[in-house]
Protein backbone atom coordinates (compact mmCIF):
# COMPACT_ATOMS: atom_id res chain seq x y z
CA MET A 1 21.65 -25.73 36.90
CA LYS A 2 22.61 -25.12 33.27
CA ILE A 3 22.36 -21.88 31.32
CA CYS A 4 21.75 -21.81 27.60
CA THR A 5 22.52 -18.42 26.07
CA ALA A 6 20.65 -18.45 22.77
CA LYS A 7 21.00 -15.91 20.00
CA LEU A 8 17.76 -15.62 18.06
CA LYS A 9 17.14 -13.80 14.77
CA SER A 10 13.74 -12.89 13.41
CA ALA A 11 12.10 -15.14 10.86
CA SER A 12 9.13 -12.74 10.84
CA ALA A 13 8.22 -9.36 12.32
CA TYR A 14 7.38 -9.11 16.03
CA SER A 15 4.52 -7.04 17.42
CA GLN A 16 3.43 -6.16 20.94
CA SER A 17 -0.01 -5.49 22.41
CA ARG A 18 0.40 -4.42 26.01
CA PRO A 19 -2.85 -2.88 27.36
CA VAL A 20 -3.08 0.90 27.18
CA GLN A 21 -3.70 2.47 30.60
CA THR A 22 -3.92 6.18 29.67
CA PRO A 23 -7.52 7.42 29.73
CA LYS A 24 -9.06 9.59 27.03
CA LYS A 25 -8.99 13.36 27.55
CA ASP A 26 -12.20 15.36 27.69
CA LYS A 27 -13.75 15.65 24.21
CA GLU A 28 -10.95 13.52 22.69
CA THR A 29 -12.15 11.19 19.93
CA ALA A 30 -11.28 7.50 19.97
CA LYS A 31 -9.09 8.04 16.88
CA ASP A 32 -7.20 10.94 18.48
CA HIS A 33 -6.72 8.92 21.66
CA GLU A 34 -5.36 5.97 19.68
CA GLU A 35 -2.93 8.20 17.78
CA ARG A 36 -1.71 9.71 21.06
CA VAL A 37 -1.21 6.54 23.12
CA TRP A 38 -0.64 3.59 20.73
CA SER A 39 3.08 3.41 21.56
CA GLU A 40 2.13 2.45 25.14
CA ARG A 41 1.47 -1.03 23.72
CA ALA A 42 5.26 -1.53 23.62
CA HIS A 43 7.03 -3.04 26.62
CA VAL A 44 9.53 -0.39 27.73
CA ASP A 45 12.08 -0.22 30.55
CA GLU A 46 12.83 2.82 32.75
CA HIS A 47 15.27 4.15 30.11
CA GLY A 48 12.72 4.11 27.27
CA MET A 49 14.20 1.00 25.64
CA CYS A 50 11.89 -1.72 24.29
CA PHE A 51 12.12 -5.31 25.48
CA ILE A 52 10.41 -8.66 25.13
CA PRO A 53 8.98 -9.89 28.45
CA PRO A 54 10.92 -12.90 29.76
CA MET A 55 7.75 -14.96 30.22
CA ALA A 56 7.12 -14.75 26.46
CA PHE A 57 10.11 -17.03 25.80
CA LYS A 58 9.47 -19.19 28.87
CA ASN A 59 5.88 -19.75 27.78
CA ALA A 60 6.88 -20.32 24.15
CA ILE A 61 9.26 -23.16 25.00
CA SER A 62 6.77 -24.71 27.46
CA GLU A 63 4.07 -24.50 24.79
CA ALA A 64 6.45 -26.13 22.28
CA ALA A 65 6.99 -29.02 24.70
CA ARG A 66 3.22 -29.46 25.02
CA TYR A 67 2.78 -29.17 21.23
CA LEU A 68 5.52 -31.70 20.43
CA SER A 69 4.73 -34.15 23.28
CA ILE A 70 8.02 -36.00 22.80
CA GLN A 71 8.35 -39.03 25.04
CA ILE A 72 11.32 -39.29 27.39
CA PRO A 73 13.42 -42.35 26.47
CA GLY A 74 13.12 -45.07 29.13
CA LYS A 75 10.21 -43.35 30.94
CA GLY A 76 7.27 -45.11 29.28
CA GLN A 77 4.58 -42.69 28.08
CA ALA A 78 6.00 -39.70 30.01
CA THR A 79 6.76 -36.62 27.89
CA TYR A 80 9.04 -33.62 28.42
CA THR A 81 6.10 -31.23 28.89
CA LYS A 82 6.09 -30.99 32.71
CA HIS A 83 9.89 -30.81 32.76
CA PHE A 84 9.87 -27.74 30.49
CA GLU A 85 6.97 -26.14 32.38
CA ALA A 86 8.62 -26.44 35.80
CA GLY A 87 12.29 -26.78 34.90
CA VAL A 88 13.03 -23.84 32.58
CA MET A 89 13.26 -20.16 33.56
CA VAL A 90 13.91 -16.91 31.72
CA PRO A 91 14.28 -14.40 34.57
CA GLU A 92 15.56 -11.34 32.68
CA ALA A 93 13.79 -9.07 30.22
CA VAL A 94 15.11 -9.48 26.68
CA PRO A 95 16.26 -6.10 25.26
CA LEU A 96 15.43 -5.27 21.65
CA GLY A 97 17.94 -2.40 21.44
CA VAL A 98 15.34 0.08 20.14
CA ARG A 99 13.97 3.22 21.77
CA LYS A 100 10.17 3.42 22.12
CA GLU A 101 9.94 6.55 19.97
CA ASP A 102 11.82 4.84 17.11
CA VAL A 103 9.35 1.97 16.76
CA PRO A 104 6.93 2.23 13.82
CA GLY A 105 3.28 1.37 14.26
CA GLU A 106 1.05 -0.94 12.26
CA TRP A 107 -2.56 0.25 11.87
CA LEU A 108 -5.14 -2.53 11.74
CA PHE A 109 -8.94 -2.73 11.63
CA VAL A 110 -9.53 -5.10 14.55
CA PRO A 111 -12.45 -6.29 16.71
CA SER A 112 -13.11 -3.71 19.42
CA ASP A 113 -13.30 -6.38 22.15
CA GLY A 114 -10.01 -7.99 21.04
CA LYS A 115 -11.68 -11.33 20.30
CA ARG A 116 -11.51 -12.92 16.88
CA GLY A 117 -14.84 -12.73 15.09
CA GLY A 118 -16.04 -9.82 17.22
CA GLY A 119 -18.84 -7.83 15.61
CA LYS A 120 -17.71 -4.22 15.98
CA ARG A 121 -14.33 -3.22 14.52
CA VAL A 122 -12.09 -0.24 15.25
CA TRP A 123 -8.72 1.06 14.06
CA LYS A 124 -5.84 0.27 16.44
CA CYS A 125 -2.11 0.70 16.10
CA PHE A 126 0.46 -1.80 17.36
CA PRO A 127 4.26 -1.45 17.71
CA LEU A 128 6.01 -3.44 14.98
CA PHE A 129 9.62 -4.65 15.02
CA LYS A 130 10.36 -5.82 11.46
CA ASP A 131 13.88 -7.19 11.96
CA TRP A 132 15.01 -8.14 15.43
CA GLN A 133 17.83 -10.05 17.06
CA VAL A 134 17.98 -10.94 20.73
CA THR A 135 20.07 -12.90 23.19
CA VAL A 136 18.03 -14.92 25.69
CA ASN A 137 19.39 -16.63 28.81
CA PHE A 138 17.44 -19.81 29.52
CA TYR A 139 18.07 -21.41 32.92
CA ILE A 140 17.49 -25.16 32.81
CA LEU A 141 16.85 -26.50 36.31
CA ASP A 142 15.76 -30.00 35.31
CA ASP A 143 18.52 -32.43 34.31
CA THR A 144 15.99 -34.47 32.33
CA ILE A 145 16.26 -31.75 29.67
CA THR A 146 19.49 -32.39 27.77
CA PRO A 147 21.10 -29.69 25.57
CA GLU A 148 20.03 -31.58 22.43
CA VAL A 149 16.42 -31.85 23.60
CA PHE A 150 16.35 -28.20 24.68
CA GLU A 151 17.77 -26.90 21.40
CA TYR A 152 15.30 -28.95 19.37
CA HIS A 153 12.38 -27.53 21.37
CA LEU A 154 13.79 -23.99 21.07
CA LYS A 155 13.97 -24.29 17.27
CA GLN A 156 10.44 -25.69 17.08
CA ALA A 157 9.14 -22.95 19.40
CA GLY A 158 10.56 -20.38 16.99
CA GLN A 159 8.75 -21.91 14.04
CA PHE A 160 5.40 -23.06 15.48
CA ILE A 161 4.77 -21.08 18.67
CA GLY A 162 6.46 -17.64 18.50
CA VAL A 163 6.15 -14.63 20.78
CA GLY A 164 4.03 -11.48 20.82
CA ARG A 165 0.83 -10.44 19.12
CA PHE A 166 -0.34 -12.48 16.12
CA ARG A 167 2.11 -15.34 16.77
CA PRO A 168 1.72 -18.77 15.11
CA ARG A 169 0.24 -20.34 18.24
CA ASN A 170 -2.59 -17.80 17.98
CA ASN A 171 -3.20 -18.35 14.24
CA GLY A 172 -0.75 -15.65 13.15
CA TYR A 173 2.71 -15.48 11.67
CA TYR A 174 4.58 -12.77 13.66
CA GLY A 175 7.12 -13.42 16.41
CA ARG A 176 8.89 -16.35 14.73
CA TRP A 177 12.65 -16.84 15.05
CA ASN A 178 15.65 -18.88 13.94
CA VAL A 179 18.32 -19.97 16.39
CA THR A 180 21.66 -18.60 15.19
CA SER A 181 23.78 -19.94 18.09
CA THR A 182 23.66 -21.42 21.56
CA LYS A 183 26.28 -21.39 24.30
CA TRP A 184 26.04 -23.64 27.34
CA GLY A 185 27.39 -23.07 30.82
CA GLU A 186 26.79 -23.78 34.48
CA ALA A 187 24.98 -21.26 36.68
CA ALA A 188 26.60 -20.08 39.90
């Protein structure tokens, strides 16, 4: 098993939209509730530090493989898609190095049901990370995926797929990245 430690730098802001679980207080307006609990949309560890869920990067690179549909040399019409879906893992949360209380919010007038084109709109606030840099450990279990193939897919995932709320794959432009470096090794 190979490990690719990739350093990624933001090409656009990153925003999160974790569901809020805190109920409204008695006689609290929707606006007051939103102002009180919006920061719960951030993914936070037990120390109050924000992170990007590991599956965000795993899913982004799998989605890039599906999007690109590059054929494996010498394997006929077979593409890398299933090899990325089953043969790549990101098991650890990816720390952003920012405390939850230091993250600014972005207020938007969005559909109340969360679906594009929804009729009723409400004001919601989402955590926004304008400039971010992370180090992600990708575990490559499938030897079909060479370092060159992996790095190409990682770069394309950063441009066309992204992570978080309003990412390119979902008709947005947040959550994009550039690969600043990669380091390869063998897993124990």
